Amino acid sequence: MEMTLYQPIATCDIPMPIVEPTQEEREAELPRILQQVAGTRAASRRVISLTLVFLAIAAIEGVLLFRMPNPEPLVVYHDVPRITLMESQK
């Protein structure tokens, strides 16, 4: 690989990514760094809310699991004659 073809980019020259802001933040003319902070905050709120939803679902499933009774074996006796594999030939 030729190293002269790919010039390194200094880290300070790479702009910060902007996480998608809310509608209110789009209407307000904010500087780029404030848009980044606002978008990051909105994304973290969304992640926290989804985490809470999944934890609530897991808690409901856990409660249902522990409330179910332990199954007991069911024994059924039939009065019909059984067929055995090794039957005496008469």
PDB file of N, CA and C in Angstrom:
ATOM      1  N   MET A   1       0.839  -1.172   0.000  1.00  0.00           N
ATOM      2  CA  MET A   1       0.000   0.000   0.000  1.00  0.00           C
ATOM      3  C   MET A   1       0.888   1.240   0.000  1.00  0.00           C
ATOM      4  N   GLU A   2       0.570   2.156  -0.843  1.00  0.00           N
ATOM      5  CA  GLU A   2       1.351   3.373  -0.962  1.00  0.00           C
ATOM      6  C   GLU A   2       0.922   4.371   0.122  1.00  0.00           C
ATOM      7  N   MET A   3       1.833   4.751   0.997  1.00  0.00           N
ATOM      8  CA  MET A   3       1.501   5.641   2.108  1.00  0.00           C
ATOM      9  C   MET A   3       1.346   7.100   1.659  1.00  0.00           C
ATOM     10  N   THR A   4       1.868   7.440   0.519  1.00  0.00           N
ATOM     11  CA  THR A   4       1.754   8.832   0.067  1.00  0.00           C
ATOM     12  C   THR A   4       0.363   9.125  -0.509  1.00  0.00           C
ATOM     13  N   LEU A   5      -0.395   8.087  -0.860  1.00  0.00           N
ATOM     14  CA  LEU A   5      -1.720   8.299  -1.405  1.00  0.00           C
ATOM     15  C   LEU A   5      -2.725   8.701  -0.327  1.00  0.00           C
ATOM     16  N   TYR A   6      -2.480   8.279   0.887  1.00  0.00           N
ATOM     17  CA  TYR A   6      -3.422   8.539   1.987  1.00  0.00           C
ATOM     18  C   TYR A   6      -2.761   9.451   3.009  1.00  0.00           C
ATOM     19  N   GLN A   7      -3.069  10.718   2.894  1.00  0.00           N
ATOM     20  CA  GLN A   7      -2.496  11.685   3.822  1.00  0.00           C
ATOM     21  C   GLN A   7      -3.260  11.632   5.146  1.00  0.00           C
ATOM     22  N   PRO A   8      -2.568  11.642   6.261  1.00  0.00           N
ATOM     23  CA  PRO A   8      -3.262  11.612   7.545  1.00  0.00           C
ATOM     24  C   PRO A   8      -4.013  12.919   7.788  1.00  0.00           C
ATOM     25  N   ILE A   9      -5.134  12.812   8.475  1.00  0.00           N
ATOM     26  CA  ILE A   9      -5.939  13.987   8.820  1.00  0.00           C
ATOM     27  C   ILE A   9      -5.775  14.222  10.307  1.00  0.00           C
ATOM     28  N   ALA A  10      -5.450  15.453  10.653  1.00  0.00           N
ATOM     29  CA  ALA A  10      -5.326  15.773  12.068  1.00  0.00           C
ATOM     30  C   ALA A  10      -6.695  15.675  12.730  1.00  0.00           C
ATOM     31  N   THR A  11      -6.719  15.211  13.951  1.00  0.00           N
ATOM     32  CA  THR A  11      -7.978  15.003  14.658  1.00  0.00           C
ATOM     33  C   THR A  11      -8.754  16.299  14.819  1.00  0.00           C
ATOM     34  N   CYS A  12      -8.086  17.399  15.007  1.00  0.00           N
ATOM     35  CA  CYS A  12      -8.788  18.670  15.200  1.00  0.00           C
ATOM     36  C   CYS A  12      -9.484  19.138  13.923  1.00  0.00           C
ATOM     37  N   ASP A  13      -9.111  18.595  12.755  1.00  0.00           N
ATOM     38  CA  ASP A  13      -9.739  18.982  11.501  1.00  0.00           C
ATOM     39  C   ASP A  13     -11.016  18.200  11.208  1.00  0.00           C
ATOM     40  N   ILE A  14     -11.274  17.129  11.946  1.00  0.00           N
ATOM     41  CA  ILE A  14     -12.469  16.316  11.728  1.00  0.00           C
ATOM     42  C   ILE A  14     -13.609  16.933  12.524  1.00  0.00           C
ATOM     43  N   PRO A  15     -14.701  17.327  11.870  1.00  0.00           N
ATOM     44  CA  PRO A  15     -15.809  17.946  12.617  1.00  0.00           C
ATOM     45  C   PRO A  15     -16.534  16.907  13.471  1.00  0.00           C
ATOM     46  N   MET A  16     -17.085  17.365  14.593  1.00  0.00           N
ATOM     47  CA  MET A  16     -17.855  16.490  15.467  1.00  0.00           C
ATOM     48  C   MET A  16     -19.135  16.078  14.756  1.00  0.00           C
ATOM     49  N   PRO A  17     -19.550  14.827  14.901  1.00  0.00           N
ATOM     50  CA  PRO A  17     -20.814  14.422  14.277  1.00  0.00           C
ATOM     51  C   PRO A  17     -21.984  15.042  15.029  1.00  0.00           C
ATOM     52  N   ILE A  18     -23.046  15.329  14.305  1.00  0.00           N
ATOM     53  CA  ILE A  18     -24.234  15.901  14.925  1.00  0.00           C
ATOM     54  C   ILE A  18     -25.289  14.813  14.993  1.00  0.00           C
ATOM     55  N   VAL A  19     -25.693  14.468  16.202  1.00  0.00           N
ATOM     56  CA  VAL A  19     -26.801  13.544  16.371  1.00  0.00           C
ATOM     57  C   VAL A  19     -28.063  14.329  16.055  1.00  0.00           C
ATOM     58  N   GLU A  20     -29.025  13.673  15.458  1.00  0.00           N
ATOM     59  CA  GLU A  20     -30.218  14.376  14.975  1.00  0.00           C
ATOM     60  C   GLU A  20     -30.909  15.154  16.095  1.00  0.00           C
ATOM     61  N   PRO A  21     -31.034  16.470  15.941  1.00  0.00           N
ATOM     62  CA  PRO A  21     -31.681  17.281  16.985  1.00  0.00           C
ATOM     63  C   PRO A  21     -33.203  17.186  16.889  1.00  0.00           C
ATOM     64  N   THR A  22     -33.885  17.678  17.927  1.00  0.00           N
ATOM     65  CA  THR A  22     -35.343  17.708  17.918  1.00  0.00           C
ATOM     66  C   THR A  22     -35.817  18.859  17.045  1.00  0.00           C
ATOM     67  N   GLN A  23     -37.142  18.936  16.838  1.00  0.00           N
ATOM     68  CA  GLN A  23     -37.711  19.984  15.969  1.00  0.00           C
ATOM     69  C   GLN A  23     -37.453  21.369  16.546  1.00  0.00           C
ATOM     70  N   GLU A  24     -37.565  21.516  17.875  1.00  0.00           N
ATOM     71  CA  GLU A  24     -37.325  22.817  18.499  1.00  0.00           C
ATOM     72  C   GLU A  24     -35.885  23.260  18.300  1.00  0.00           C
ATOM     73  N   GLU A  25     -34.980  22.296  18.395  1.00  0.00           N
ATOM     74  CA  GLU A  25     -33.567  22.640  18.234  1.00  0.00           C
ATOM     75  C   GLU A  25     -33.245  22.963  16.771  1.00  0.00           C
ATOM     76  N   ARG A  26     -34.013  22.386  15.840  1.00  0.00           N
ATOM     77  CA  ARG A  26     -33.792  22.712  14.428  1.00  0.00           C
ATOM     78  C   ARG A  26     -34.219  24.145  14.124  1.00  0.00           C
ATOM     79  N   GLU A  27     -35.329  24.566  14.755  1.00  0.00           N
ATOM     80  CA  GLU A  27     -35.840  25.911  14.486  1.00  0.00           C
ATOM     81  C   GLU A  27     -34.938  26.989  15.072  1.00  0.00           C
ATOM     82  N   ALA A  28     -34.340  26.705  16.220  1.00  0.00           N
ATOM     83  CA  ALA A  28     -33.439  27.674  16.838  1.00  0.00           C
ATOM     84  C   ALA A  28     -32.084  27.586  16.137  1.00  0.00           C
ATOM     85  N   GLU A  29     -31.542  28.708  15.817  1.00  0.00           N
ATOM     86  CA  GLU A  29     -30.236  28.739  15.173  1.00  0.00           C
ATOM     87  C   GLU A  29     -29.165  28.603  16.248  1.00  0.00           C
ATOM     88  N   LEU A  30     -28.734  27.392  16.470  1.00  0.00           N
ATOM     89  CA  LEU A  30     -27.729  27.112  17.493  1.00  0.00           C
ATOM     90  C   LEU A  30     -26.373  26.873  16.849  1.00  0.00           C
ATOM     91  N   PRO A  31     -25.320  27.188  17.561  1.00  0.00           N
ATOM     92  CA  PRO A  31     -23.991  26.825  17.055  1.00  0.00           C
ATOM     93  C   PRO A  31     -23.856  25.306  16.983  1.00  0.00           C
ATOM     94  N   ARG A  32     -22.907  24.873  16.200  1.00  0.00           N
ATOM     95  CA  ARG A  32     -22.711  23.437  15.963  1.00  0.00           C
ATOM     96  C   ARG A  32     -22.460  22.668  17.250  1.00  0.00           C
ATOM     97  N   ILE A  33     -21.682  23.184  18.158  1.00  0.00           N
ATOM     98  CA  ILE A  33     -21.360  22.456  19.387  1.00  0.00           C
ATOM     99  C   ILE A  33     -22.597  22.312  20.270  1.00  0.00           C
ATOM    100  N   LEU A  34     -23.469  23.345  20.281  1.00  0.00           N
ATOM    101  CA  LEU A  34     -24.698  23.242  21.056  1.00  0.00           C
ATOM    102  C   LEU A  34     -25.679  22.266  20.420  1.00  0.00           C
ATOM    103  N   GLN A  35     -25.688  22.204  19.088  1.00  0.00           N
ATOM    104  CA  GLN A  35     -26.509  21.200  18.414  1.00  0.00           C
ATOM    105  C   GLN A  35     -26.038  19.795  18.770  1.00  0.00           C
ATOM    106  N   GLN A  36     -24.715  19.631  18.847  1.00  0.00           N
ATOM    107  CA  GLN A  36     -24.170  18.323  19.211  1.00  0.00           C
ATOM    108  C   GLN A  36     -24.598  17.934  20.622  1.00  0.00           C
ATOM    109  N   VAL A  37     -24.509  18.866  21.557  1.00  0.00           N
ATOM    110  CA  VAL A  37     -24.894  18.581  22.943  1.00  0.00           C
ATOM    111  C   VAL A  37     -26.384  18.266  23.023  1.00  0.00           C
ATOM    112  N   ALA A  38     -27.210  19.055  22.332  1.00  0.00           N
ATOM    113  CA  ALA A  38     -28.657  18.835  22.359  1.00  0.00           C
ATOM    114  C   ALA A  38     -29.026  17.498  21.718  1.00  0.00           C
ATOM    115  N   GLY A  39     -28.394  17.157  20.618  1.00  0.00           N
ATOM    116  CA  GLY A  39     -28.664  15.879  19.961  1.00  0.00           C
ATOM    117  C   GLY A  39     -28.222  14.701  20.800  1.00  0.00           C
ATOM    118  N   THR A  40     -27.081  14.838  21.456  1.00  0.00           N
ATOM    119  CA  THR A  40     -26.592  13.774  22.330  1.00  0.00           C
ATOM    120  C   THR A  40     -27.535  13.580  23.509  1.00  0.00           C
ATOM    121  N   ARG A  41     -28.030  14.674  24.069  1.00  0.00           N
ATOM    122  CA  ARG A  41     -28.966  14.591  25.188  1.00  0.00           C
ATOM    123  C   ARG A  41     -30.266  13.906  24.756  1.00  0.00           C
ATOM    124  N   ALA A  42     -30.774  14.251  23.578  1.00  0.00           N
ATOM    125  CA  ALA A  42     -32.003  13.625  23.080  1.00  0.00           C
ATOM    126  C   ALA A  42     -31.789  12.132  22.825  1.00  0.00           C
ATOM    127  N   ALA A  43     -30.631  11.780  22.288  1.00  0.00           N
ATOM    128  CA  ALA A  43     -30.335  10.372  22.034  1.00  0.00           C
ATOM    129  C   ALA A  43     -30.205   9.596  23.340  1.00  0.00           C
ATOM    130  N   SER A  44     -29.586  10.195  24.348  1.00  0.00           N
ATOM    131  CA  SER A  44     -29.443   9.492  25.627  1.00  0.00           C
ATOM    132  C   SER A  44     -30.801   9.312  26.298  1.00  0.00           C
ATOM    133  N   ARG A  45     -31.703  10.286  26.163  1.00  0.00           N
ATOM    134  CA  ARG A  45     -33.054  10.126  26.710  1.00  0.00           C
ATOM    135  C   ARG A  45     -33.792   8.985  26.025  1.00  0.00           C
ATOM    136  N   ARG A  46     -33.619   8.875  24.713  1.00  0.00           N
ATOM    137  CA  ARG A  46     -34.273   7.796  23.978  1.00  0.00           C
ATOM    138  C   ARG A  46     -33.728   6.438  24.409  1.00  0.00           C
ATOM    139  N   VAL A  47     -32.426   6.332  24.589  1.00  0.00           N
ATOM    140  CA  VAL A  47     -31.822   5.065  25.027  1.00  0.00           C
ATOM    141  C   VAL A  47     -32.306   4.709  26.432  1.00  0.00           C
ATOM    142  N   ILE A  48     -32.380   5.686  27.315  1.00  0.00           N
ATOM    143  CA  ILE A  48     -32.848   5.427  28.681  1.00  0.00           C
ATOM    144  C   ILE A  48     -34.309   4.984  28.669  1.00  0.00           C
ATOM    145  N   SER A  49     -35.136   5.631  27.851  1.00  0.00           N
ATOM    146  CA  SER A  49     -36.552   5.249  27.815  1.00  0.00           C
ATOM    147  C   SER A  49     -36.733   3.841  27.252  1.00  0.00           C
ATOM    148  N   LEU A  50     -35.982   3.487  26.212  1.00  0.00           N
ATOM    149  CA  LEU A  50     -36.073   2.131  25.674  1.00  0.00           C
ATOM    150  C   LEU A  50     -35.570   1.103  26.680  1.00  0.00           C
ATOM    151  N   THR A  51     -34.521   1.446  27.431  1.00  0.00           N
ATOM    152  CA  THR A  51     -34.022   0.543  28.456  1.00  0.00           C
ATOM    153  C   THR A  51     -35.072   0.311  29.532  1.00  0.00           C
ATOM    154  N   LEU A  52     -35.767   1.364  29.934  1.00  0.00           N
ATOM    155  CA  LEU A  52     -36.822   1.225  30.936  1.00  0.00           C
ATOM    156  C   LEU A  52     -37.977   0.369  30.426  1.00  0.00           C
ATOM    157  N   VAL A  53     -38.309   0.511  29.157  1.00  0.00           N
ATOM    158  CA  VAL A  53     -39.376  -0.315  28.580  1.00  0.00           C
ATOM    159  C   VAL A  53     -38.981  -1.784  28.610  1.00  0.00           C
ATOM    160  N   PHE A  54     -37.758  -2.091  28.194  1.00  0.00           N
ATOM    161  CA  PHE A  54     -37.318  -3.491  28.189  1.00  0.00           C
ATOM    162  C   PHE A  54     -37.202  -4.046  29.604  1.00  0.00           C
ATOM    163  N   LEU A  55     -36.784  -3.232  30.574  1.00  0.00           N
ATOM    164  CA  LEU A  55     -36.724  -3.691  31.957  1.00  0.00           C
ATOM    165  C   LEU A  55     -38.122  -3.966  32.507  1.00  0.00           C
ATOM    166  N   ALA A  56     -39.087  -3.135  32.138  1.00  0.00           N
ATOM    167  CA  ALA A  56     -40.464  -3.370  32.578  1.00  0.00           C
ATOM    168  C   ALA A  56     -41.012  -4.665  31.988  1.00  0.00           C
ATOM    169  N   ILE A  57     -40.742  -4.918  30.721  1.00  0.00           N
ATOM    170  CA  ILE A  57     -41.179  -6.170  30.093  1.00  0.00           C
ATOM    171  C   ILE A  57     -40.526  -7.366  30.769  1.00  0.00           C
ATOM    172  N   ALA A  58     -39.226  -7.269  31.076  1.00  0.00           N
ATOM    173  CA  ALA A  58     -38.525  -8.363  31.751  1.00  0.00           C
ATOM    174  C   ALA A  58     -39.082  -8.584  33.151  1.00  0.00           C
ATOM    175  N   ALA A  59     -39.441  -7.513  33.849  1.00  0.00           N
ATOM    176  CA  ALA A  59     -40.013  -7.656  35.193  1.00  0.00           C
ATOM    177  C   ALA A  59     -41.372  -8.344  35.136  1.00  0.00           C
ATOM    178  N   ILE A  60     -42.195  -7.974  34.161  1.00  0.00           N
ATOM    179  CA  ILE A  60     -43.500  -8.618  34.002  1.00  0.00           C
ATOM    180  C   ILE A  60     -43.333 -10.103  33.695  1.00  0.00           C
ATOM    181  N   GLU A  61     -42.405 -10.436  32.813  1.00  0.00           N
ATOM    182  CA  GLU A  61     -42.167 -11.841  32.495  1.00  0.00           C
ATOM    183  C   GLU A  61     -41.640 -12.599  33.713  1.00  0.00           C
ATOM    184  N   GLY A  62     -40.792 -11.964  34.515  1.00  0.00           N
ATOM    185  CA  GLY A  62     -40.284 -12.611  35.724  1.00  0.00           C
ATOM    186  C   GLY A  62     -41.382 -12.882  36.733  1.00  0.00           C
ATOM    187  N   VAL A  63     -42.281 -11.912  36.904  1.00  0.00           N
ATOM    188  CA  VAL A  63     -43.406 -12.109  37.824  1.00  0.00           C
ATOM    189  C   VAL A  63     -44.296 -13.239  37.336  1.00  0.00           C
ATOM    190  N   LEU A  64     -44.589 -13.267  36.042  1.00  0.00           N
ATOM    191  CA  LEU A  64     -45.415 -14.343  35.498  1.00  0.00           C
ATOM    192  C   LEU A  64     -44.740 -15.704  35.643  1.00  0.00           C
ATOM    193  N   LEU A  65     -43.435 -15.742  35.487  1.00  0.00           N
ATOM    194  CA  LEU A  65     -42.705 -16.999  35.603  1.00  0.00           C
ATOM    195  C   LEU A  65     -42.787 -17.544  37.022  1.00  0.00           C
ATOM    196  N   PHE A  66     -42.628 -16.692  38.018  1.00  0.00           N
ATOM    197  CA  PHE A  66     -42.630 -17.167  39.396  1.00  0.00           C
ATOM    198  C   PHE A  66     -44.040 -17.414  39.929  1.00  0.00           C
ATOM    199  N   ARG A  67     -45.062 -16.830  39.315  1.00  0.00           N
ATOM    200  CA  ARG A  67     -46.431 -17.051  39.769  1.00  0.00           C
ATOM    201  C   ARG A  67     -47.013 -18.345  39.221  1.00  0.00           C
ATOM    202  N   MET A  68     -46.443 -18.881  38.175  1.00  0.00           N
ATOM    203  CA  MET A  68     -46.968 -20.118  37.599  1.00  0.00           C
ATOM    204  C   MET A  68     -46.633 -21.279  38.526  1.00  0.00           C
ATOM    205  N   PRO A  69     -47.590 -22.176  38.751  1.00  0.00           N
ATOM    206  CA  PRO A  69     -47.317 -23.311  39.647  1.00  0.00           C
ATOM    207  C   PRO A  69     -46.372 -24.316  38.988  1.00  0.00           C
ATOM    208  N   ASN A  70     -45.687 -25.061  39.836  1.00  0.00           N
ATOM    209  CA  ASN A  70     -44.819 -26.123  39.321  1.00  0.00           C
ATOM    210  C   ASN A  70     -45.694 -27.249  38.784  1.00  0.00           C
ATOM    211  N   PRO A  71     -45.426 -27.721  37.609  1.00  0.00           N
ATOM    212  CA  PRO A  71     -46.263 -28.798  37.064  1.00  0.00           C
ATOM    213  C   PRO A  71     -45.999 -30.112  37.803  1.00  0.00           C
ATOM    214  N   GLU A  72     -47.071 -30.819  38.104  1.00  0.00           N
ATOM    215  CA  GLU A  72     -46.955 -32.127  38.731  1.00  0.00           C
ATOM    216  C   GLU A  72     -47.187 -33.175  37.663  1.00  0.00           C
ATOM    217  N   PRO A  73     -46.560 -34.332  37.832  1.00  0.00           N
ATOM    218  CA  PRO A  73     -46.733 -35.365  36.803  1.00  0.00           C
ATOM    219  C   PRO A  73     -48.180 -35.855  36.753  1.00  0.00           C
ATOM    220  N   LEU A  74     -48.646 -36.109  35.570  1.00  0.00           N
ATOM    221  CA  LEU A  74     -49.997 -36.589  35.353  1.00  0.00           C
ATOM    222  C   LEU A  74     -49.910 -38.065  34.994  1.00  0.00           C
ATOM    223  N   VAL A  75     -50.513 -38.893  35.825  1.00  0.00           N
ATOM    224  CA  VAL A  75     -50.482 -40.336  35.589  1.00  0.00           C
ATOM    225  C   VAL A  75     -51.879 -40.767  35.179  1.00  0.00           C
ATOM    226  N   VAL A  76     -51.945 -41.405  34.027  1.00  0.00           N
ATOM    227  CA  VAL A  76     -53.229 -41.880  33.510  1.00  0.00           C
ATOM    228  C   VAL A  76     -53.130 -43.387  33.340  1.00  0.00           C
ATOM    229  N   TYR A  77     -54.062 -44.100  33.927  1.00  0.00           N
ATOM    230  CA  TYR A  77     -54.099 -45.554  33.798  1.00  0.00           C
ATOM    231  C   TYR A  77     -55.239 -45.937  32.863  1.00  0.00           C
ATOM    232  N   HIS A  78     -54.912 -46.814  31.950  1.00  0.00           N
ATOM    233  CA  HIS A  78     -55.917 -47.303  31.010  1.00  0.00           C
ATOM    234  C   HIS A  78     -56.287 -48.731  31.378  1.00  0.00           C
ATOM    235  N   ASP A  79     -57.522 -49.106  31.130  1.00  0.00           N
ATOM    236  CA  ASP A  79     -57.965 -50.475  31.387  1.00  0.00           C
ATOM    237  C   ASP A  79     -57.837 -51.355  30.156  1.00  0.00           C
ATOM    238  N   VAL A  80     -57.343 -50.799  29.070  1.00  0.00           N
ATOM    239  CA  VAL A  80     -57.221 -51.592  27.841  1.00  0.00           C
ATOM    240  C   VAL A  80     -55.983 -52.477  27.942  1.00  0.00           C
ATOM    241  N   PRO A  81     -55.973 -53.625  27.305  1.00  0.00           N
ATOM    242  CA  PRO A  81     -54.776 -54.483  27.352  1.00  0.00           C
ATOM    243  C   PRO A  81     -53.623 -53.848  26.580  1.00  0.00           C
ATOM    244  N   ARG A  82     -52.459 -54.033  27.113  1.00  0.00           N
ATOM    245  CA  ARG A  82     -51.261 -53.477  26.475  1.00  0.00           C
ATOM    246  C   ARG A  82     -50.656 -54.484  25.515  1.00  0.00           C
ATOM    247  N   ILE A  83     -50.096 -54.000  24.463  1.00  0.00           N
ATOM    248  CA  ILE A  83     -49.392 -54.847  23.505  1.00  0.00           C
ATOM    249  C   ILE A  83     -47.926 -54.848  23.895  1.00  0.00           C
ATOM    250  N   THR A  84     -47.366 -55.993  24.101  1.00  0.00           N
ATOM    251  CA  THR A  84     -45.960 -56.078  24.448  1.00  0.00           C
ATOM    252  C   THR A  84     -45.162 -56.437  23.210  1.00  0.00           C
ATOM    253  N   LEU A  85     -43.941 -56.058  23.200  1.00  0.00           N
ATOM    254  CA  LEU A  85     -43.093 -56.335  22.047  1.00  0.00           C
ATOM    255  C   LEU A  85     -42.731 -57.815  21.964  1.00  0.00           C
ATOM    256  N   MET A  86     -42.474 -58.425  23.106  1.00  0.00           N
ATOM    257  CA  MET A  86     -42.078 -59.844  23.117  1.00  0.00           C
ATOM    258  C   MET A  86     -43.262 -60.656  23.627  1.00  0.00           C
ATOM    259  N   GLU A  87     -44.183 -60.959  22.759  1.00  0.00           N
ATOM    260  CA  GLU A  87     -45.353 -61.728  23.137  1.00  0.00           C
ATOM    261  C   GLU A  87     -45.103 -63.189  22.779  1.00  0.00           C
ATOM    262  N   SER A  88     -45.540 -64.026  23.653  1.00  0.00           N
ATOM    263  CA  SER A  88     -45.303 -65.463  23.400  1.00  0.00           C
ATOM    264  C   SER A  88     -46.192 -65.925  22.249  1.00  0.00           C
ATOM    265  N   GLN A  89     -45.607 -66.675  21.357  1.00  0.00           N
ATOM    266  CA  GLN A  89     -46.334 -67.185  20.196  1.00  0.00           C
ATOM    267  C   GLN A  89     -46.970 -68.511  20.560  1.00  0.00           C
ATOM    268  N   LYS A  90     -48.240 -68.643  20.442  1.00  0.00           N
ATOM    269  CA  LYS A  90     -48.936 -69.899  20.761  1.00  0.00           C
ATOM    270  C   LYS A  90     -49.514 -70.505  19.542  1.00  0.00           C
TER     271      LYS A  90
END
